[in-house]
Amino acid sequence: MRNAQTRRMPAELAWFKSSHSGDEGGNCVEVATCPHAIHVRDSKMPNSPVLSLAPATWRNLTHHVSADTRT
């Protein structure tokens, strides 16, 4: 994956969970956006590595995921 990178992110990013995430502590990710990248991390391990995606890659990913949930 050429557009994906893992690295530590600055603390000032505003992270948020999916509206589909519950409070039960299941499989959740958090997302933070900035103009040049979308950052994704495990919500249960906020200090773990972060996956950084180009905005176009994020759009493709969310399109495919939402298409899979509609079938």
C-alpha atoms as a PDB file:
ATOM      1  CA  MET A   1       0.000   0.000   0.000  1.00  0.00           C
ATOM      2  CA  ARG A   2       1.850   3.053  -1.214  1.00  0.00           C
ATOM      3  CA  ASN A   3      -0.503   5.595   0.397  1.00  0.00           C
ATOM      4  CA  ALA A   4      -0.512   4.043   3.874  1.00  0.00           C
ATOM      5  CA  GLN A   5       2.059   4.749   6.561  1.00  0.00           C
ATOM      6  CA  THR A   6       2.344   4.019  10.274  1.00  0.00           C
ATOM      7  CA  ARG A   7       3.902   6.563  12.612  1.00  0.00           C
ATOM      8  CA  ARG A   8       3.335   8.471  15.831  1.00  0.00           C
ATOM      9  CA  MET A   9       0.939  11.395  15.555  1.00  0.00           C
ATOM     10  CA  PRO A  10       1.048  14.739  17.324  1.00  0.00           C
ATOM     11  CA  ALA A  11      -1.188  14.949  20.400  1.00  0.00           C
ATOM     12  CA  GLU A  12      -3.091  17.970  19.036  1.00  0.00           C
ATOM     13  CA  LEU A  13      -5.078  15.924  16.506  1.00  0.00           C
ATOM     14  CA  ALA A  14      -8.806  15.729  17.298  1.00  0.00           C
ATOM     15  CA  TRP A  15      -9.714  12.034  17.391  1.00  0.00           C
ATOM     16  CA  PHE A  16     -13.291  10.748  17.109  1.00  0.00           C
ATOM     17  CA  LYS A  17     -15.010   7.357  17.047  1.00  0.00           C
ATOM     18  CA  SER A  18     -17.446   6.094  14.478  1.00  0.00           C
ATOM     19  CA  SER A  19     -21.120   6.734  15.187  1.00  0.00           C
ATOM     20  CA  HIS A  20     -21.482   2.936  14.885  1.00  0.00           C
ATOM     21  CA  SER A  21     -19.148   2.359  17.855  1.00  0.00           C
ATOM     22  CA  GLY A  22     -20.849   1.450  21.093  1.00  0.00           C
ATOM     23  CA  ASP A  23     -19.784   1.814  24.715  1.00  0.00           C
ATOM     24  CA  GLU A  24     -19.316  -1.945  25.123  1.00  0.00           C
ATOM     25  CA  GLY A  25     -15.602  -1.793  24.234  1.00  0.00           C
ATOM     26  CA  GLY A  26     -15.821  -3.801  21.026  1.00  0.00           C
ATOM     27  CA  ASN A  27     -13.767  -3.430  17.874  1.00  0.00           C
ATOM     28  CA  CYS A  28     -13.490   0.328  17.485  1.00  0.00           C
ATOM     29  CA  VAL A  29     -11.212   2.654  15.617  1.00  0.00           C
ATOM     30  CA  GLU A  30     -10.697   6.364  16.034  1.00  0.00           C
ATOM     31  CA  VAL A  31     -10.108   8.765  13.165  1.00  0.00           C
ATOM     32  CA  ALA A  32      -8.426  12.178  12.994  1.00  0.00           C
ATOM     33  CA  THR A  33      -8.311  14.294   9.868  1.00  0.00           C
ATOM     34  CA  CYS A  34      -5.992  16.978   8.576  1.00  0.00           C
ATOM     35  CA  PRO A  35      -5.732  18.462   5.073  1.00  0.00           C
ATOM     36  CA  HIS A  36      -3.152  15.980   3.767  1.00  0.00           C
ATOM     37  CA  ALA A  37      -4.092  12.732   5.562  1.00  0.00           C
ATOM     38  CA  ILE A  38      -6.683  10.707   7.444  1.00  0.00           C
ATOM     39  CA  HIS A  39      -5.233   9.034  10.540  1.00  0.00           C
ATOM     40  CA  VAL A  40      -6.703   5.819  11.995  1.00  0.00           C
ATOM     41  CA  ARG A  41      -5.864   4.138  15.325  1.00  0.00           C
ATOM     42  CA  ASP A  42      -7.181   1.482  17.695  1.00  0.00           C
ATOM     43  CA  SER A  43      -9.438   3.205  20.241  1.00  0.00           C
ATOM     44  CA  LYS A  44      -8.400   0.767  22.974  1.00  0.00           C
ATOM     45  CA  MET A  45      -4.694   1.468  22.382  1.00  0.00           C
ATOM     46  CA  PRO A  46      -4.342   5.213  21.661  1.00  0.00           C
ATOM     47  CA  ASN A  47      -0.531   5.106  21.966  1.00  0.00           C
ATOM     48  CA  SER A  48      -0.173   2.330  19.396  1.00  0.00           C
ATOM     49  CA  PRO A  49       0.953   2.982  15.807  1.00  0.00           C
ATOM     50  CA  VAL A  50      -1.325   5.049  13.584  1.00  0.00           C
ATOM     51  CA  LEU A  51      -2.288   4.266  10.012  1.00  0.00           C
ATOM     52  CA  SER A  52      -2.152   7.402   7.828  1.00  0.00           C
ATOM     53  CA  LEU A  53      -4.039   7.378   4.545  1.00  0.00           C
ATOM     54  CA  ALA A  54      -4.218   9.831   1.679  1.00  0.00           C
ATOM     55  CA  PRO A  55      -7.704  11.402   1.440  1.00  0.00           C
ATOM     56  CA  ALA A  56      -8.409   9.602  -1.865  1.00  0.00           C
ATOM     57  CA  THR A  57      -7.483   6.252  -0.306  1.00  0.00           C
ATOM     58  CA  TRP A  58      -9.777   6.960   2.677  1.00  0.00           C
ATOM     59  CA  ARG A  59     -12.664   7.794   0.313  1.00  0.00           C
ATOM     60  CA  ASN A  60     -12.128   4.525  -1.565  1.00  0.00           C
ATOM     61  CA  LEU A  61     -11.996   2.543   1.685  1.00  0.00           C
ATOM     62  CA  THR A  62     -15.166   4.075   3.132  1.00  0.00           C
ATOM     63  CA  HIS A  63     -16.958   3.652  -0.206  1.00  0.00           C
ATOM     64  CA  HIS A  64     -16.139  -0.076  -0.311  1.00  0.00           C
ATOM     65  CA  VAL A  65     -17.029  -0.608   3.348  1.00  0.00           C
ATOM     66  CA  SER A  66     -20.382   1.164   3.012  1.00  0.00           C
ATOM     67  CA  ALA A  67     -21.145  -0.739  -0.201  1.00  0.00           C
ATOM     68  CA  ASP A  68     -20.455  -4.050   1.594  1.00  0.00           C
ATOM     69  CA  THR A  69     -22.866  -3.175   4.426  1.00  0.00           C
ATOM     70  CA  ARG A  70     -25.709  -2.421   1.983  1.00  0.00           C
ATOM     71  CA  THR A  71     -25.717  -5.890   0.432  1.00  0.00           C
END
